[in-house]
Amino acid sequence: MTTQDQLTVGLPKASSRGSQSGAAPLKDNHYQLLQLVLFWAGAILLPLGLVVIVLGWYGAANTPYQYDQLSYLVSGGLLGLGLTFTGGFLYFGAWLARIAADGKESSRRLADTLLVLADVTSRAATTRDDGVDVSALPVTAGDGTTIHRRDCALIAHRTDLHPVGEDNGALTTCRVCRP
């Protein structure tokens, strides 16, 4: 593995269509970009704050004068604490952004599953117990002379549908649904 490959392991990959559009992989995905920025900012600031605290302690511990210790306390201790807490909050924000993205993805999957389930149940509702597809049964509307499928768009709004009997010689077939 090359050094370039090692640097880009944690970054998202461009899609296979990326070569034709020329767009960056995070261009339209603002939530993933926010999560990535918060993660890296927190990952840099948190340890940097700890290092500044240690440097402030080292400077204050190795000077004999109290006025020098106060400057190390302010610059090392307080600045280090500020960086550490800021990095921790940014890291926490990245975690919350990740949870929000996972929740959005799971909601999308649930909605897709519910649509498939609704489609399956609607198909099951149009099938009788003996396996006959009710939507494919030929019907006539009112006293009409045309045979339609029950799910034909021309008669979908009608409520006066009658099943076609044995003697359908005088009836013509619909040109839309072709029963």
C-alpha atoms as a PDB file:
ATOM      1  CA  MET A   1       0.000   0.000   0.000  1.00  0.00           C
ATOM      2  CA  THR A   2       1.469   3.346  -1.029  1.00  0.00           C
ATOM      3  CA  THR A   3       1.644   6.416   1.168  1.00  0.00           C
ATOM      4  CA  GLN A   4      -1.125   8.082  -0.868  1.00  0.00           C
ATOM      5  CA  ASP A   5      -3.382   5.053  -0.349  1.00  0.00           C
ATOM      6  CA  GLN A   6      -2.690   5.133   3.393  1.00  0.00           C
ATOM      7  CA  LEU A   7      -3.665   8.810   3.581  1.00  0.00           C
ATOM      8  CA  THR A   8      -6.978   8.330   1.766  1.00  0.00           C
ATOM      9  CA  VAL A   9      -8.189   5.174   3.547  1.00  0.00           C
ATOM     10  CA  GLY A  10     -10.623   7.078   5.827  1.00  0.00           C
ATOM     11  CA  LEU A  11     -11.936   9.388   3.118  1.00  0.00           C
ATOM     12  CA  PRO A  12     -15.043   8.540   1.072  1.00  0.00           C
ATOM     13  CA  LYS A  13     -14.472   7.183  -2.407  1.00  0.00           C
ATOM     14  CA  ALA A  14     -15.826   8.780  -5.579  1.00  0.00           C
ATOM     15  CA  SER A  15     -18.663   6.897  -7.217  1.00  0.00           C
ATOM     16  CA  SER A  16     -18.200   5.014 -10.464  1.00  0.00           C
ATOM     17  CA  ARG A  17     -20.116   7.800 -12.230  1.00  0.00           C
ATOM     18  CA  GLY A  18     -17.693  10.384 -10.839  1.00  0.00           C
ATOM     19  CA  SER A  19     -15.469  10.222 -13.904  1.00  0.00           C
ATOM     20  CA  GLN A  20     -18.232  11.389 -16.212  1.00  0.00           C
ATOM     21  CA  SER A  21     -19.575  14.196 -14.014  1.00  0.00           C
ATOM     22  CA  GLY A  22     -16.269  15.437 -12.595  1.00  0.00           C
ATOM     23  CA  ALA A  23     -17.942  16.256  -9.260  1.00  0.00           C
ATOM     24  CA  ALA A  24     -16.272  15.817  -5.901  1.00  0.00           C
ATOM     25  CA  PRO A  25     -17.624  12.879  -3.854  1.00  0.00           C
ATOM     26  CA  LEU A  26     -18.900  15.135  -1.033  1.00  0.00           C
ATOM     27  CA  LYS A  27     -20.209  17.970  -3.199  1.00  0.00           C
ATOM     28  CA  ASP A  28     -23.943  17.370  -2.708  1.00  0.00           C
ATOM     29  CA  ASN A  29     -23.758  15.421   0.561  1.00  0.00           C
ATOM     30  CA  HIS A  30     -23.687  18.233   3.121  1.00  0.00           C
ATOM     31  CA  TYR A  31     -24.410  16.019   6.138  1.00  0.00           C
ATOM     32  CA  GLN A  32     -21.500  13.702   5.408  1.00  0.00           C
ATOM     33  CA  LEU A  33     -19.230  16.686   4.777  1.00  0.00           C
ATOM     34  CA  LEU A  34     -20.287  18.240   8.107  1.00  0.00           C
ATOM     35  CA  GLN A  35     -19.672  14.968   9.924  1.00  0.00           C
ATOM     36  CA  LEU A  36     -16.237  14.620   8.320  1.00  0.00           C
ATOM     37  CA  VAL A  37     -15.205  18.209   9.138  1.00  0.00           C
ATOM     38  CA  LEU A  38     -16.398  17.932  12.741  1.00  0.00           C
ATOM     39  CA  PHE A  39     -14.639  14.593  13.170  1.00  0.00           C
ATOM     40  CA  TRP A  40     -11.269  15.807  11.893  1.00  0.00           C
ATOM     41  CA  ALA A  41     -11.447  19.155  13.724  1.00  0.00           C
ATOM     42  CA  GLY A  42     -12.223  17.359  16.983  1.00  0.00           C
ATOM     43  CA  ALA A  43      -9.564  14.739  16.317  1.00  0.00           C
ATOM     44  CA  ILE A  44      -6.942  17.477  15.872  1.00  0.00           C
ATOM     45  CA  LEU A  45      -7.983  19.955  18.576  1.00  0.00           C
ATOM     46  CA  LEU A  46      -8.489  17.466  21.425  1.00  0.00           C
ATOM     47  CA  PRO A  47      -4.946  16.039  21.485  1.00  0.00           C
ATOM     48  CA  LEU A  48      -3.497  19.453  20.621  1.00  0.00           C
ATOM     49  CA  GLY A  49      -5.141  20.864  23.751  1.00  0.00           C
ATOM     50  CA  LEU A  50      -3.657  18.067  25.844  1.00  0.00           C
ATOM     51  CA  VAL A  51      -0.206  18.768  24.401  1.00  0.00           C
ATOM     52  CA  VAL A  52      -0.568  22.497  25.193  1.00  0.00           C
ATOM     53  CA  ILE A  53      -1.559  21.647  28.786  1.00  0.00           C
ATOM     54  CA  VAL A  54       1.502  19.417  29.176  1.00  0.00           C
ATOM     55  CA  LEU A  55       3.769  22.126  27.703  1.00  0.00           C
ATOM     56  CA  GLY A  56       2.255  24.720  30.057  1.00  0.00           C
ATOM     57  CA  TRP A  57       2.834  22.444  33.045  1.00  0.00           C
ATOM     58  CA  TYR A  58       6.410  21.736  31.933  1.00  0.00           C
ATOM     59  CA  GLY A  59       7.142  25.454  31.550  1.00  0.00           C
ATOM     60  CA  ALA A  60       5.602  26.353  34.903  1.00  0.00           C
ATOM     61  CA  ALA A  61       7.378  23.493  36.657  1.00  0.00           C
ATOM     62  CA  ASN A  62      10.807  24.486  35.333  1.00  0.00           C
ATOM     63  CA  THR A  63      10.804  28.205  36.131  1.00  0.00           C
ATOM     64  CA  PRO A  64      11.703  29.555  39.556  1.00  0.00           C
ATOM     65  CA  TYR A  65       9.827  32.836  39.166  1.00  0.00           C
ATOM     66  CA  GLN A  66       6.160  33.153  40.003  1.00  0.00           C
ATOM     67  CA  TYR A  67       5.382  35.751  37.309  1.00  0.00           C
ATOM     68  CA  ASP A  68       6.665  33.294  34.666  1.00  0.00           C
ATOM     69  CA  GLN A  69       4.496  30.540  36.131  1.00  0.00           C
ATOM     70  CA  LEU A  70       1.411  32.723  35.746  1.00  0.00           C
ATOM     71  CA  SER A  71       2.049  33.230  32.019  1.00  0.00           C
ATOM     72  CA  TYR A  72       2.527  29.458  31.571  1.00  0.00           C
ATOM     73  CA  LEU A  73      -0.696  28.851  33.486  1.00  0.00           C
ATOM     74  CA  VAL A  74      -2.676  31.210  31.261  1.00  0.00           C
ATOM     75  CA  SER A  75      -1.137  30.265  27.931  1.00  0.00           C
ATOM     76  CA  GLY A  76      -0.689  26.566  28.591  1.00  0.00           C
ATOM     77  CA  GLY A  77      -3.386  25.638  31.040  1.00  0.00           C
ATOM     78  CA  LEU A  78      -6.355  27.757  30.033  1.00  0.00           C
ATOM     79  CA  LEU A  79      -5.642  27.670  26.297  1.00  0.00           C
ATOM     80  CA  GLY A  80      -5.065  23.920  26.512  1.00  0.00           C
ATOM     81  CA  LEU A  81      -8.335  23.400  28.387  1.00  0.00           C
ATOM     82  CA  GLY A  82     -10.160  25.515  25.819  1.00  0.00           C
ATOM     83  CA  LEU A  83      -8.716  23.511  22.933  1.00  0.00           C
ATOM     84  CA  THR A  84      -9.444  20.217  24.682  1.00  0.00           C
ATOM     85  CA  PHE A  85     -13.067  21.070  25.429  1.00  0.00           C
ATOM     86  CA  THR A  86     -13.620  22.538  21.958  1.00  0.00           C
ATOM     87  CA  GLY A  87     -12.164  19.405  20.361  1.00  0.00           C
ATOM     88  CA  GLY A  88     -14.316  17.212  22.568  1.00  0.00           C
ATOM     89  CA  PHE A  89     -17.477  19.116  21.648  1.00  0.00           C
ATOM     90  CA  LEU A  90     -16.608  18.949  17.939  1.00  0.00           C
ATOM     91  CA  TYR A  91     -15.973  15.227  18.223  1.00  0.00           C
ATOM     92  CA  PHE A  92     -19.316  14.847  20.008  1.00  0.00           C
ATOM     93  CA  GLY A  93     -20.961  16.880  17.217  1.00  0.00           C
ATOM     94  CA  ALA A  94     -19.466  14.516  14.632  1.00  0.00           C
ATOM     95  CA  TRP A  95     -20.949  11.594  16.538  1.00  0.00           C
ATOM     96  CA  LEU A  96     -24.374  13.290  16.598  1.00  0.00           C
ATOM     97  CA  ALA A  97     -24.143  14.024  12.857  1.00  0.00           C
ATOM     98  CA  ARG A  98     -23.346  10.355  12.269  1.00  0.00           C
ATOM     99  CA  ILE A  99     -26.355   9.270  14.346  1.00  0.00           C
ATOM    100  CA  ALA A 100     -28.579  11.678  12.382  1.00  0.00           C
ATOM    101  CA  ALA A 101     -27.309  10.309   9.061  1.00  0.00           C
ATOM    102  CA  ASP A 102     -27.861   6.719  10.230  1.00  0.00           C
ATOM    103  CA  GLY A 103     -31.378   7.622  11.370  1.00  0.00           C
ATOM    104  CA  LYS A 104     -32.126   9.220   8.015  1.00  0.00           C
ATOM    105  CA  GLU A 105     -30.858   6.145   6.177  1.00  0.00           C
ATOM    106  CA  SER A 106     -32.845   3.763   8.361  1.00  0.00           C
ATOM    107  CA  SER A 107     -35.987   5.885   7.882  1.00  0.00           C
ATOM    108  CA  ARG A 108     -35.483   5.745   4.121  1.00  0.00           C
ATOM    109  CA  ARG A 109     -35.080   1.969   4.249  1.00  0.00           C
ATOM    110  CA  LEU A 110     -38.167   1.628   6.429  1.00  0.00           C
ATOM    111  CA  ALA A 111     -40.202   3.746   4.010  1.00  0.00           C
ATOM    112  CA  ASP A 112     -39.005   1.627   1.070  1.00  0.00           C
ATOM    113  CA  THR A 113     -39.893  -1.560   2.939  1.00  0.00           C
ATOM    114  CA  LEU A 114     -43.335  -0.215   3.803  1.00  0.00           C
ATOM    115  CA  LEU A 115     -43.944   0.665   0.147  1.00  0.00           C
ATOM    116  CA  VAL A 116     -43.007  -2.857  -0.894  1.00  0.00           C
ATOM    117  CA  LEU A 117     -45.232  -4.283   1.836  1.00  0.00           C
ATOM    118  CA  ALA A 118     -48.127  -2.073   0.729  1.00  0.00           C
ATOM    119  CA  ASP A 119     -47.646  -3.234  -2.858  1.00  0.00           C
ATOM    120  CA  VAL A 120     -47.622  -6.891  -1.799  1.00  0.00           C
ATOM    121  CA  THR A 121     -50.724  -6.516   0.360  1.00  0.00           C
ATOM    122  CA  SER A 122     -52.596  -4.645  -2.391  1.00  0.00           C
ATOM    123  CA  ARG A 123     -51.747  -7.435  -4.811  1.00  0.00           C
ATOM    124  CA  ALA A 124     -52.877  -9.999  -2.251  1.00  0.00           C
ATOM    125  CA  ALA A 125     -56.151  -8.123  -1.796  1.00  0.00           C
ATOM    126  CA  THR A 126     -56.902  -8.369  -5.522  1.00  0.00           C
ATOM    127  CA  THR A 127     -56.361 -12.143  -5.513  1.00  0.00           C
ATOM    128  CA  ARG A 128     -59.155 -14.448  -4.345  1.00  0.00           C
ATOM    129  CA  ASP A 129     -58.504 -17.358  -2.005  1.00  0.00           C
ATOM    130  CA  ASP A 130     -58.373 -19.820  -4.878  1.00  0.00           C
ATOM    131  CA  GLY A 131     -55.516 -17.892  -6.545  1.00  0.00           C
ATOM    132  CA  VAL A 132     -57.523 -16.043  -9.223  1.00  0.00           C
ATOM    133  CA  ASP A 133     -56.400 -12.480  -9.895  1.00  0.00           C
ATOM    134  CA  VAL A 134     -59.547 -10.399  -9.375  1.00  0.00           C
ATOM    135  CA  SER A 135     -58.143  -7.406 -11.243  1.00  0.00           C
ATOM    136  CA  ALA A 136     -57.867  -9.516 -14.400  1.00  0.00           C
ATOM    137  CA  LEU A 137     -61.520 -10.678 -14.396  1.00  0.00           C
ATOM    138  CA  PRO A 138     -63.511  -9.350 -17.378  1.00  0.00           C
ATOM    139  CA  VAL A 139     -66.350  -6.956 -16.537  1.00  0.00           C
ATOM    140  CA  THR A 140     -68.762  -4.609 -18.270  1.00  0.00           C
ATOM    141  CA  ALA A 141     -69.746  -1.180 -17.031  1.00  0.00           C
ATOM    142  CA  GLY A 142     -73.498  -0.627 -16.678  1.00  0.00           C
ATOM    143  CA  ASP A 143     -75.292  -1.855 -19.802  1.00  0.00           C
ATOM    144  CA  GLY A 144     -72.143  -1.406 -21.889  1.00  0.00           C
ATOM    145  CA  THR A 145     -71.095  -3.524 -24.830  1.00  0.00           C
ATOM    146  CA  THR A 146     -67.370  -3.503 -24.151  1.00  0.00           C
ATOM    147  CA  ILE A 147     -65.447  -6.009 -22.044  1.00  0.00           C
ATOM    148  CA  HIS A 148     -62.849  -4.455 -19.720  1.00  0.00           C
ATOM    149  CA  ARG A 149     -60.454  -5.755 -17.112  1.00  0.00           C
ATOM    150  CA  ARG A 150     -61.524  -4.765 -13.612  1.00  0.00           C
ATOM    151  CA  ASP A 151     -58.395  -2.585 -13.269  1.00  0.00           C
ATOM    152  CA  CYS A 152     -58.869  -0.779 -16.625  1.00  0.00           C
ATOM    153  CA  ALA A 153     -58.223   2.967 -16.405  1.00  0.00           C
ATOM    154  CA  LEU A 154     -61.346   3.763 -18.437  1.00  0.00           C
ATOM    155  CA  ILE A 155     -63.727   2.242 -15.868  1.00  0.00           C
ATOM    156  CA  ALA A 156     -61.706   2.679 -12.651  1.00  0.00           C
ATOM    157  CA  HIS A 157     -64.103   5.350 -11.351  1.00  0.00           C
ATOM    158  CA  ARG A 158     -67.268   3.364 -12.103  1.00  0.00           C
ATOM    159  CA  THR A 159     -69.212   1.559  -9.405  1.00  0.00           C
ATOM    160  CA  ASP A 160     -71.714  -0.241 -11.667  1.00  0.00           C
ATOM    161  CA  LEU A 161     -69.413  -3.035 -12.846  1.00  0.00           C
ATOM    162  CA  HIS A 162     -70.865  -6.450 -13.712  1.00  0.00           C
ATOM    163  CA  PRO A 163     -68.937  -9.668 -14.382  1.00  0.00           C
ATOM    164  CA  VAL A 164     -69.122 -10.973 -17.928  1.00  0.00           C
ATOM    165  CA  GLY A 165     -71.250 -14.096 -18.324  1.00  0.00           C
ATOM    166  CA  GLU A 166     -70.898 -17.047 -20.692  1.00  0.00           C
ATOM    167  CA  ASP A 167     -72.598 -15.369 -23.645  1.00  0.00           C
ATOM    168  CA  ASN A 168     -70.175 -12.614 -24.594  1.00  0.00           C
ATOM    169  CA  GLY A 169     -70.490 -12.951 -28.363  1.00  0.00           C
ATOM    170  CA  ALA A 170     -72.029  -9.474 -28.901  1.00  0.00           C
ATOM    171  CA  LEU A 171     -69.465  -7.733 -26.672  1.00  0.00           C
ATOM    172  CA  THR A 172     -66.314  -6.085 -28.015  1.00  0.00           C
ATOM    173  CA  THR A 173     -62.980  -5.986 -26.183  1.00  0.00           C
ATOM    174  CA  CYS A 174     -61.484  -2.788 -24.831  1.00  0.00           C
ATOM    175  CA  ARG A 175     -58.590  -1.383 -26.875  1.00  0.00           C
ATOM    176  CA  VAL A 176     -56.860  -0.035 -23.730  1.00  0.00           C
ATOM    177  CA  CYS A 177     -56.747  -3.007 -21.353  1.00  0.00           C
ATOM    178  CA  ARG A 178     -57.276  -5.866 -23.879  1.00  0.00           C
ATOM    179  CA  PRO A 179     -58.787  -8.468 -21.522  1.00  0.00           C
END
